[in-house]
Amino acid sequence: MPPPDSPLSDLKILDLTRVMAGPYSTRLLCDLGADVVKLEPPEGDITRSWGERRGGLSGFYTQQNAGKRNVCIDLKTQEGPELVRRLADCADVVVENFRPGVMARAGLGFDELSERNPSLIMLSISGFGQSGPESERLAYAPVIHAEAGYIARHAELDGNPPSDPVFSLADSYSALHGTVALLSALHMRERTGVGQHIDLCMLRAMVATDDYTHHLLDDAMPLERLGGQVFEAVGGPILISAQWKGLWVQAKTLFGLRAEDGANLTEKFANRQKAVREWIASYQERDALKRDLERAGLPWGDVRQMEDVLDSPTLRDRPPYAEVDDRAGGVRRVVEAPYHFSQATSGIRGPAPRRGEHNANVLSEWLELKPEEIENLEKVGTLLAEEAQ
């Protein structure tokens, strides 16, 4: 059970999600102290095979589900849907990320659940929203990256062929926006006593979070790159986060850089770029370069390889992970939510669950079912559980 000083220790979350957008939202709620019960079908979450497997659990599944409890219910059995409805009767929040209509067809839509539990809050995450011309489309994060213009923009500005980023941005953004909406709805419920349904569209979440969307709305094209620039330097590439004009002014004023004007603006700009790159490449010691960048007020960043990220002094000082049981006799590291409260506790409370691992204790705690009732549900195939590996 969560510590009593966890921010959300009094909340019960029924997690009907899979893959990432939904599981990441409920994982954050779990780190914040909520009792999150993940409900899986007999075939399990497809991410159970993504990444390194230890004790039968993959790295991806572990990262998104650490600390949760798990019940495995077969909705195809006669008793399955009603058992889920009873769990929803006890929950503060239900989170799901099926295609619109799937929950309603299973008798688990918001209208039916809220009629039984008026204070229930449901978060539904879908690619294109619960209604509208594209609501039935299949959508994973790469689809949203393409539809939101993100892939094309990077290809154009970088001069490379279009490709999907190695980061599920749309899932992460949707999870974070969904969590904000849930917490807001919970706060509102304190005033009204009534729950509500949150329709979280991944495409809208991506566009809403994009700091270049104003160009589109103002019809102000083409775009100007405002992000960092990467330069070759002693010891490896370094990123400087500054617009070219500001970078040039500081380099010229403090370090005496000069460049020919050129015949036109394009040539003038190219000459200044060349001068800055040669200046950065001229340093023989990386620390000296960093000191001068600091003196000029130019934010810099080491372009780290993935395997070097944890070498960051900041992350060494306060590691971004916790160690949990790997279910195979050892431990594995799992990333934690980045919250540090002055008067509260948050963080991972345990390992990722096996399918159906907590059938008995969840049903006895939430529904007060007796052992013989749970045994009967196992006999008829409504409750299932995988064996430890």
Protein backbone atom coordinates (compact mmCIF):
# COMPACT_ATOMS: atom_id res chain seq x y z
CA MET A 1 0.00 0.00 0.00
CA PRO A 2 1.19 3.58 -0.64
CA PRO A 3 2.65 5.65 2.19
CA PRO A 4 0.00 7.88 3.80
CA ASP A 5 1.96 11.00 2.88
CA SER A 6 1.78 10.26 -0.86
CA PRO A 7 -0.25 12.96 -2.68
CA LEU A 8 -2.78 10.51 -4.19
CA SER A 9 -2.78 7.75 -1.57
CA ASP A 10 -6.57 7.92 -1.17
CA LEU A 11 -7.37 7.25 -4.84
CA LYS A 12 -8.32 4.02 -6.58
CA ILE A 13 -7.53 3.84 -10.30
CA LEU A 14 -8.85 1.11 -12.59
CA ASP A 15 -6.38 0.90 -15.47
CA LEU A 16 -7.81 -0.63 -18.66
CA THR A 17 -4.98 0.65 -20.86
CA ARG A 18 -2.28 -0.92 -22.95
CA VAL A 19 0.94 0.00 -24.76
CA MET A 20 2.03 3.51 -23.65
CA ALA A 21 -0.19 6.63 -23.58
CA GLY A 22 -2.62 5.15 -21.06
CA PRO A 23 -0.12 3.06 -19.07
CA TYR A 24 2.25 6.02 -18.72
CA SER A 25 -0.53 8.21 -17.31
CA THR A 26 -1.52 5.58 -14.75
CA ARG A 27 2.13 4.88 -13.95
CA LEU A 28 2.51 8.57 -12.98
CA LEU A 29 -0.60 8.32 -10.80
CA CYS A 30 0.87 5.19 -9.22
CA ASP A 31 4.16 6.94 -8.43
CA LEU A 32 2.10 9.68 -6.80
CA GLY A 33 0.53 7.16 -4.45
CA ALA A 34 -2.70 6.01 -6.11
CA ASP A 35 -3.74 2.36 -5.86
CA VAL A 36 -3.59 1.49 -9.56
CA VAL A 37 -5.07 -1.84 -10.60
CA LYS A 38 -4.18 -2.82 -14.15
CA LEU A 39 -6.76 -5.05 -15.78
CA GLU A 40 -5.41 -7.30 -18.51
CA PRO A 41 -7.08 -9.73 -20.89
CA PRO A 42 -5.85 -13.34 -21.03
CA GLU A 43 -3.50 -12.54 -23.93
CA GLY A 44 -1.89 -9.72 -21.94
CA ASP A 45 -0.51 -6.33 -22.93
CA ILE A 46 1.41 -6.60 -26.21
CA THR A 47 4.33 -4.71 -24.68
CA ARG A 48 5.20 -7.69 -22.49
CA SER A 49 7.61 -8.73 -25.26
CA TRP A 50 9.24 -5.32 -25.87
CA GLY A 51 12.78 -4.93 -24.57
CA GLU A 52 14.92 -7.13 -22.36
CA ARG A 53 12.96 -9.83 -20.56
CA ARG A 54 13.75 -10.73 -16.96
CA GLY A 55 11.61 -13.06 -14.95
CA GLY A 56 9.14 -13.11 -17.84
CA LEU A 57 8.69 -9.31 -17.83
CA SER A 58 10.01 -6.99 -20.54
CA GLY A 59 11.78 -3.69 -19.96
CA PHE A 60 9.08 -1.64 -21.69
CA TYR A 61 6.23 -3.29 -19.78
CA THR A 62 8.16 -2.88 -16.52
CA GLN A 63 8.82 0.82 -17.13
CA GLN A 64 5.15 1.60 -17.80
CA ASN A 65 3.64 -0.63 -15.10
CA ALA A 66 6.00 -0.77 -12.12
CA GLY A 67 4.19 -0.49 -8.81
CA LYS A 68 0.73 -1.34 -10.14
CA ARG A 69 -1.37 -4.30 -9.10
CA ASN A 70 -2.81 -6.63 -11.72
CA VAL A 71 -6.00 -8.58 -12.25
CA CYS A 72 -6.60 -10.73 -15.32
CA ILE A 73 -10.25 -11.01 -16.39
CA ASP A 74 -11.64 -12.68 -19.49
CA LEU A 75 -14.38 -10.36 -20.75
CA LYS A 76 -15.64 -13.08 -23.07
CA THR A 77 -16.98 -15.06 -20.16
CA GLN A 78 -20.47 -14.45 -18.81
CA GLU A 79 -19.21 -13.08 -15.50
CA GLY A 80 -16.34 -10.98 -16.89
CA PRO A 81 -18.01 -7.67 -17.84
CA GLU A 82 -20.04 -7.49 -14.63
CA LEU A 83 -16.92 -8.13 -12.56
CA VAL A 84 -15.22 -5.16 -14.27
CA ARG A 85 -18.30 -3.01 -13.69
CA ARG A 86 -18.17 -3.86 -9.99
CA LEU A 87 -14.51 -2.81 -9.86
CA ALA A 88 -15.45 0.46 -11.58
CA ASP A 89 -18.14 0.97 -8.92
CA CYS A 90 -15.34 1.16 -6.35
CA ALA A 91 -12.93 3.25 -8.43
CA ASP A 92 -12.35 6.99 -8.40
CA VAL A 93 -10.96 6.91 -11.92
CA VAL A 94 -11.08 4.60 -14.94
CA VAL A 95 -8.49 5.10 -17.69
CA GLU A 96 -8.82 3.44 -21.10
CA ASN A 97 -7.25 3.90 -24.53
CA PHE A 98 -9.24 1.63 -26.80
CA ARG A 99 -10.69 2.82 -30.08
CA PRO A 100 -13.93 4.75 -29.55
CA GLY A 101 -16.91 2.44 -29.16
CA VAL A 102 -15.01 -0.59 -27.89
CA MET A 103 -15.79 0.07 -24.23
CA ALA A 104 -19.47 0.79 -24.91
CA ARG A 105 -19.88 -2.43 -26.91
CA ALA A 106 -18.45 -4.35 -23.93
CA GLY A 107 -21.00 -2.69 -21.64
CA LEU A 108 -18.25 -0.62 -20.03
CA GLY A 109 -18.86 2.81 -21.56
CA PHE A 110 -18.93 5.94 -19.46
CA ASP A 111 -22.71 6.25 -19.57
CA GLU A 112 -23.21 2.81 -18.07
CA LEU A 113 -20.41 3.07 -15.52
CA SER A 114 -21.33 6.58 -14.35
CA GLU A 115 -24.97 5.59 -13.91
CA ARG A 116 -23.78 3.11 -11.30
CA ASN A 117 -21.03 5.37 -9.93
CA PRO A 118 -21.93 9.07 -10.47
CA SER A 119 -18.66 10.30 -8.97
CA LEU A 120 -16.57 8.28 -11.44
CA ILE A 121 -14.07 10.08 -13.66
CA MET A 122 -13.11 8.34 -16.89
CA LEU A 123 -10.17 9.32 -19.09
CA SER A 124 -10.42 8.03 -22.67
CA ILE A 125 -7.29 8.48 -24.80
CA SER A 126 -7.66 7.92 -28.54
CA GLY A 127 -5.82 8.97 -31.66
CA PHE A 128 -8.50 11.17 -33.19
CA GLY A 129 -11.04 11.71 -30.41
CA GLN A 130 -14.22 9.96 -29.31
CA SER A 131 -16.29 11.47 -32.12
CA GLY A 132 -15.64 13.06 -35.49
CA PRO A 133 -14.77 11.99 -39.02
CA GLU A 134 -11.65 9.99 -38.09
CA SER A 135 -12.55 8.65 -34.65
CA GLU A 136 -12.47 5.03 -35.83
CA ARG A 137 -8.92 5.18 -37.21
CA LEU A 138 -6.18 3.06 -35.69
CA ALA A 139 -3.53 5.28 -34.18
CA TYR A 140 -0.18 4.80 -32.53
CA ALA A 141 2.31 7.57 -31.80
CA PRO A 142 4.04 7.45 -35.24
CA VAL A 143 0.70 8.04 -36.99
CA ILE A 144 0.15 11.17 -34.89
CA HIS A 145 3.73 12.37 -35.51
CA ALA A 146 2.99 12.20 -39.24
CA GLU A 147 -0.46 13.79 -39.09
CA ALA A 148 0.70 16.63 -36.81
CA GLY A 149 3.36 17.79 -39.27
CA TYR A 150 6.21 16.91 -36.93
CA ILE A 151 7.95 14.44 -39.26
CA ALA A 152 7.74 16.68 -42.34
CA ARG A 153 8.97 19.75 -40.44
CA HIS A 154 12.07 18.02 -39.14
CA ALA A 155 12.83 16.59 -42.56
CA GLU A 156 12.56 20.03 -44.17
CA LEU A 157 14.61 21.91 -41.59
CA ASP A 158 17.28 19.22 -41.29
CA GLY A 159 17.48 18.48 -45.01
CA ASN A 160 16.94 14.77 -44.44
CA PRO A 161 14.36 12.27 -45.74
CA PRO A 162 11.23 12.02 -43.54
CA SER A 163 11.58 9.58 -40.64
CA ASP A 164 9.81 8.93 -37.36
CA PRO A 165 11.63 10.14 -34.21
CA VAL A 166 13.04 7.57 -31.81
CA PHE A 167 10.74 8.84 -29.08
CA SER A 168 6.99 8.30 -28.69
CA LEU A 169 6.25 12.00 -28.29
CA ALA A 170 2.54 11.76 -29.03
CA ASP A 171 2.08 9.06 -26.40
CA SER A 172 4.06 10.97 -23.78
CA TYR A 173 2.29 14.27 -24.46
CA SER A 174 -1.12 12.58 -24.38
CA ALA A 175 -0.30 10.83 -21.11
CA LEU A 176 0.82 14.08 -19.49
CA HIS A 177 -2.16 16.09 -20.75
CA GLY A 178 -4.47 13.28 -19.69
CA THR A 179 -2.98 13.26 -16.20
CA VAL A 180 -3.41 17.03 -15.88
CA ALA A 181 -7.04 16.71 -16.98
CA LEU A 182 -7.68 13.88 -14.50
CA LEU A 183 -6.25 15.82 -11.59
CA SER A 184 -8.32 18.84 -12.61
CA ALA A 185 -11.48 16.73 -12.77
CA LEU A 186 -10.72 15.26 -9.35
CA HIS A 187 -10.32 18.76 -7.95
CA MET A 188 -13.63 19.80 -9.50
CA ARG A 189 -15.31 16.72 -8.02
CA GLU A 190 -14.40 18.01 -4.58
CA ARG A 191 -16.74 20.95 -5.28
CA THR A 192 -19.52 19.19 -7.19
CA GLY A 193 -19.41 15.57 -6.02
CA VAL A 194 -19.93 14.56 -9.66
CA GLY A 195 -17.52 12.79 -11.99
CA GLN A 196 -17.10 13.32 -15.73
CA HIS A 197 -15.74 11.87 -18.96
CA ILE A 198 -12.50 13.26 -20.41
CA ASP A 199 -12.03 12.86 -24.17
CA LEU A 200 -8.29 13.17 -24.84
CA CYS A 201 -7.41 13.27 -28.56
CA MET A 202 -3.75 12.46 -29.22
CA LEU A 203 -3.62 14.61 -32.37
CA ARG A 204 -4.97 17.60 -30.46
CA ALA A 205 -2.52 16.94 -27.62
CA MET A 206 0.39 16.90 -30.05
CA VAL A 207 -0.68 20.14 -31.77
CA ALA A 208 -1.43 21.84 -28.44
CA THR A 209 2.06 21.03 -27.12
CA ASP A 210 3.90 22.02 -30.30
CA ASP A 211 5.65 25.35 -29.78
CA TYR A 212 5.65 25.94 -33.56
CA THR A 213 1.84 25.78 -33.94
CA HIS A 214 1.59 29.58 -33.77
CA HIS A 215 3.30 29.76 -37.19
CA LEU A 216 0.46 27.71 -38.64
CA LEU A 217 -2.28 29.71 -36.95
CA ASP A 218 -0.73 33.03 -37.99
CA ASP A 219 -0.15 31.75 -41.54
CA ALA A 220 3.47 32.76 -41.00
CA MET A 221 5.48 30.41 -43.17
CA PRO A 222 8.21 29.37 -43.81
CA LEU A 223 9.42 28.35 -40.39
CA GLU A 224 12.55 29.60 -38.69
CA ARG A 225 14.50 27.09 -36.63
CA LEU A 226 14.65 28.22 -33.01
CA GLY A 227 16.24 25.16 -31.49
CA GLY A 228 19.87 24.44 -30.68
CA GLN A 229 22.72 24.15 -33.17
CA VAL A 230 25.23 21.32 -33.03
CA PHE A 231 28.90 22.04 -33.66
CA GLU A 232 31.95 19.82 -34.00
CA ALA A 233 34.30 20.47 -31.10
CA VAL A 234 37.20 18.97 -29.25
CA GLY A 235 35.95 15.92 -27.35
CA GLY A 236 32.86 15.47 -29.54
CA PRO A 237 29.82 17.44 -30.75
CA ILE A 238 28.44 20.21 -28.56
CA LEU A 239 25.04 21.91 -28.77
CA ILE A 240 24.59 25.64 -28.30
CA SER A 241 21.05 26.81 -27.64
CA ALA A 242 20.95 30.28 -29.16
CA GLN A 243 19.63 31.96 -32.28
CA TRP A 244 22.31 32.63 -34.85
CA LYS A 245 22.03 36.40 -34.54
CA GLY A 246 22.57 36.36 -30.78
CA LEU A 247 25.36 33.82 -31.08
CA TRP A 248 27.15 35.92 -33.66
CA VAL A 249 26.82 39.14 -31.67
CA GLN A 250 28.26 37.54 -28.53
CA ALA A 251 31.09 35.83 -30.41
CA LYS A 252 31.95 39.06 -32.24
CA THR A 253 31.76 41.27 -29.13
CA LEU A 254 33.57 39.05 -26.63
CA PHE A 255 35.92 37.02 -28.81
CA GLY A 256 36.59 39.28 -31.78
CA LEU A 257 35.13 37.08 -34.52
CA ARG A 258 35.11 38.58 -37.99
CA ALA A 259 33.57 37.49 -41.29
CA GLU A 260 33.36 38.96 -44.76
CA ASP A 261 30.04 40.64 -45.56
CA GLY A 262 29.52 38.80 -48.87
CA ALA A 263 27.57 39.85 -51.93
CA ASN A 264 24.13 39.22 -50.41
CA LEU A 265 22.40 38.20 -47.18
CA THR A 266 22.70 34.50 -47.93
CA GLU A 267 26.46 34.74 -48.48
CA LYS A 268 26.84 37.01 -45.45
CA PHE A 269 25.03 34.51 -43.26
CA ALA A 270 27.09 31.60 -44.61
CA ASN A 271 30.33 33.46 -43.91
CA ARG A 272 29.29 34.10 -40.30
CA GLN A 273 28.29 30.48 -39.83
CA LYS A 274 31.66 29.39 -41.13
CA ALA A 275 33.46 31.78 -38.77
CA VAL A 276 31.54 30.52 -35.73
CA ARG A 277 32.19 26.87 -36.61
CA GLU A 278 35.90 27.52 -37.09
CA TRP A 279 36.02 29.41 -33.78
CA ILE A 280 34.43 26.53 -31.87
CA ALA A 281 36.64 23.97 -33.61
CA SER A 282 39.76 25.99 -32.73
CA TYR A 283 39.59 25.16 -29.01
CA GLN A 284 42.09 22.57 -27.85
CA GLU A 285 40.38 21.95 -24.50
CA ARG A 286 36.67 21.31 -24.11
CA ASP A 287 36.51 22.84 -20.64
CA ALA A 288 37.97 26.09 -22.00
CA LEU A 289 35.26 26.18 -24.68
CA LYS A 290 32.55 25.60 -22.07
CA ARG A 291 33.96 28.36 -19.85
CA ASP A 292 33.86 30.84 -22.73
CA LEU A 293 30.34 29.84 -23.68
CA GLU A 294 29.29 30.37 -20.08
CA ARG A 295 31.01 33.77 -20.05
CA ALA A 296 29.07 34.73 -23.19
CA GLY A 297 25.78 33.60 -21.68
CA LEU A 298 25.39 30.90 -24.34
CA PRO A 299 23.68 27.72 -23.00
CA TRP A 300 25.49 24.57 -24.09
CA GLY A 301 24.92 20.84 -23.86
CA ASP A 302 27.10 17.80 -24.39
CA VAL A 303 25.65 15.68 -27.22
CA ARG A 304 25.64 12.45 -25.28
CA GLN A 305 25.25 8.98 -26.70
CA MET A 306 22.35 7.06 -25.16
CA GLU A 307 24.71 4.90 -23.12
CA ASP A 308 26.32 8.00 -21.61
CA VAL A 309 23.17 9.78 -20.41
CA LEU A 310 23.44 8.55 -16.82
CA ASP A 311 26.96 10.01 -16.65
CA SER A 312 25.42 13.47 -16.42
CA PRO A 313 26.56 15.07 -13.14
CA THR A 314 22.95 16.00 -12.40
CA LEU A 315 21.72 12.43 -12.87
CA ARG A 316 24.64 10.99 -10.91
CA ASP A 317 23.79 13.33 -8.03
CA ARG A 318 20.12 12.31 -8.00
CA PRO A 319 19.59 9.16 -10.09
CA PRO A 320 16.36 9.17 -12.15
CA TYR A 321 15.59 5.55 -11.33
CA ALA A 322 14.83 3.13 -8.53
CA GLU A 323 15.80 -0.51 -8.15
CA VAL A 324 12.98 -3.04 -8.01
CA ASP A 325 12.66 -6.80 -7.87
CA ASP A 326 13.28 -8.17 -11.37
CA ARG A 327 11.16 -11.26 -10.56
CA ALA A 328 14.16 -13.46 -11.34
CA GLY A 329 16.12 -13.29 -8.10
CA GLY A 330 17.78 -9.96 -8.76
CA VAL A 331 16.99 -6.29 -9.25
CA ARG A 332 16.45 -4.05 -12.23
CA ARG A 333 16.53 -0.29 -12.57
CA VAL A 334 13.29 1.47 -13.53
CA VAL A 335 12.91 5.17 -14.30
CA GLU A 336 10.92 7.17 -11.74
CA ALA A 337 8.59 10.13 -12.14
CA PRO A 338 10.68 13.31 -11.63
CA TYR A 339 8.69 14.70 -8.70
CA HIS A 340 10.38 15.75 -5.46
CA PHE A 341 8.02 17.22 -2.88
CA SER A 342 9.02 19.08 0.27
CA GLN A 343 6.13 17.61 2.31
CA ALA A 344 5.16 14.41 0.46
CA THR A 345 6.49 11.10 -0.80
CA SER A 346 6.40 9.81 -4.36
CA GLY A 347 8.16 7.12 -6.36
CA ILE A 348 8.03 3.51 -7.42
CA ARG A 349 6.51 1.21 -4.82
CA GLY A 350 7.37 -2.14 -6.36
CA PRO A 351 8.01 -4.20 -9.48
CA ALA A 352 5.79 -4.60 -12.51
CA PRO A 353 3.06 -7.19 -11.91
CA ARG A 354 2.55 -10.52 -13.54
CA ARG A 355 -0.75 -11.07 -15.29
CA GLY A 356 -3.39 -11.82 -12.66
CA GLU A 357 -0.88 -11.66 -9.82
CA HIS A 358 -3.19 -9.70 -7.54
CA ASN A 359 -6.54 -11.24 -8.43
CA ALA A 360 -7.27 -12.42 -4.91
CA ASN A 361 -6.10 -9.42 -2.88
CA VAL A 362 -7.68 -6.80 -5.18
CA LEU A 363 -11.05 -8.57 -5.32
CA SER A 364 -11.06 -9.15 -1.59
CA GLU A 365 -10.09 -5.53 -0.82
CA TRP A 366 -12.13 -3.67 -3.42
CA LEU A 367 -15.18 -5.96 -3.66
CA GLU A 368 -14.90 -7.86 -0.36
CA LEU A 369 -15.23 -11.17 -2.21
CA LYS A 370 -14.74 -14.29 -0.15
CA PRO A 371 -12.09 -16.88 -1.07
CA GLU A 372 -14.70 -19.32 -2.33
CA GLU A 373 -16.20 -16.66 -4.63
CA ILE A 374 -12.77 -15.94 -6.09
CA GLU A 375 -12.16 -19.67 -6.51
CA ASN A 376 -15.43 -20.05 -8.41
CA LEU A 377 -14.43 -17.24 -10.79
CA GLU A 378 -11.18 -19.06 -11.44
CA LYS A 379 -13.00 -22.33 -12.11
CA VAL A 380 -15.26 -20.83 -14.76
CA GLY A 381 -12.31 -19.12 -16.47
CA THR A 382 -13.23 -15.52 -15.65
CA LEU A 383 -10.09 -15.00 -13.56
CA LEU A 384 -6.72 -16.10 -14.89
CA ALA A 385 -3.14 -15.78 -13.74
CA GLU A 386 0.26 -16.58 -15.16
CA GLU A 387 2.77 -18.61 -13.20
CA ALA A 388 6.03 -17.12 -12.00
CA GLN A 389 8.96 -17.71 -14.37
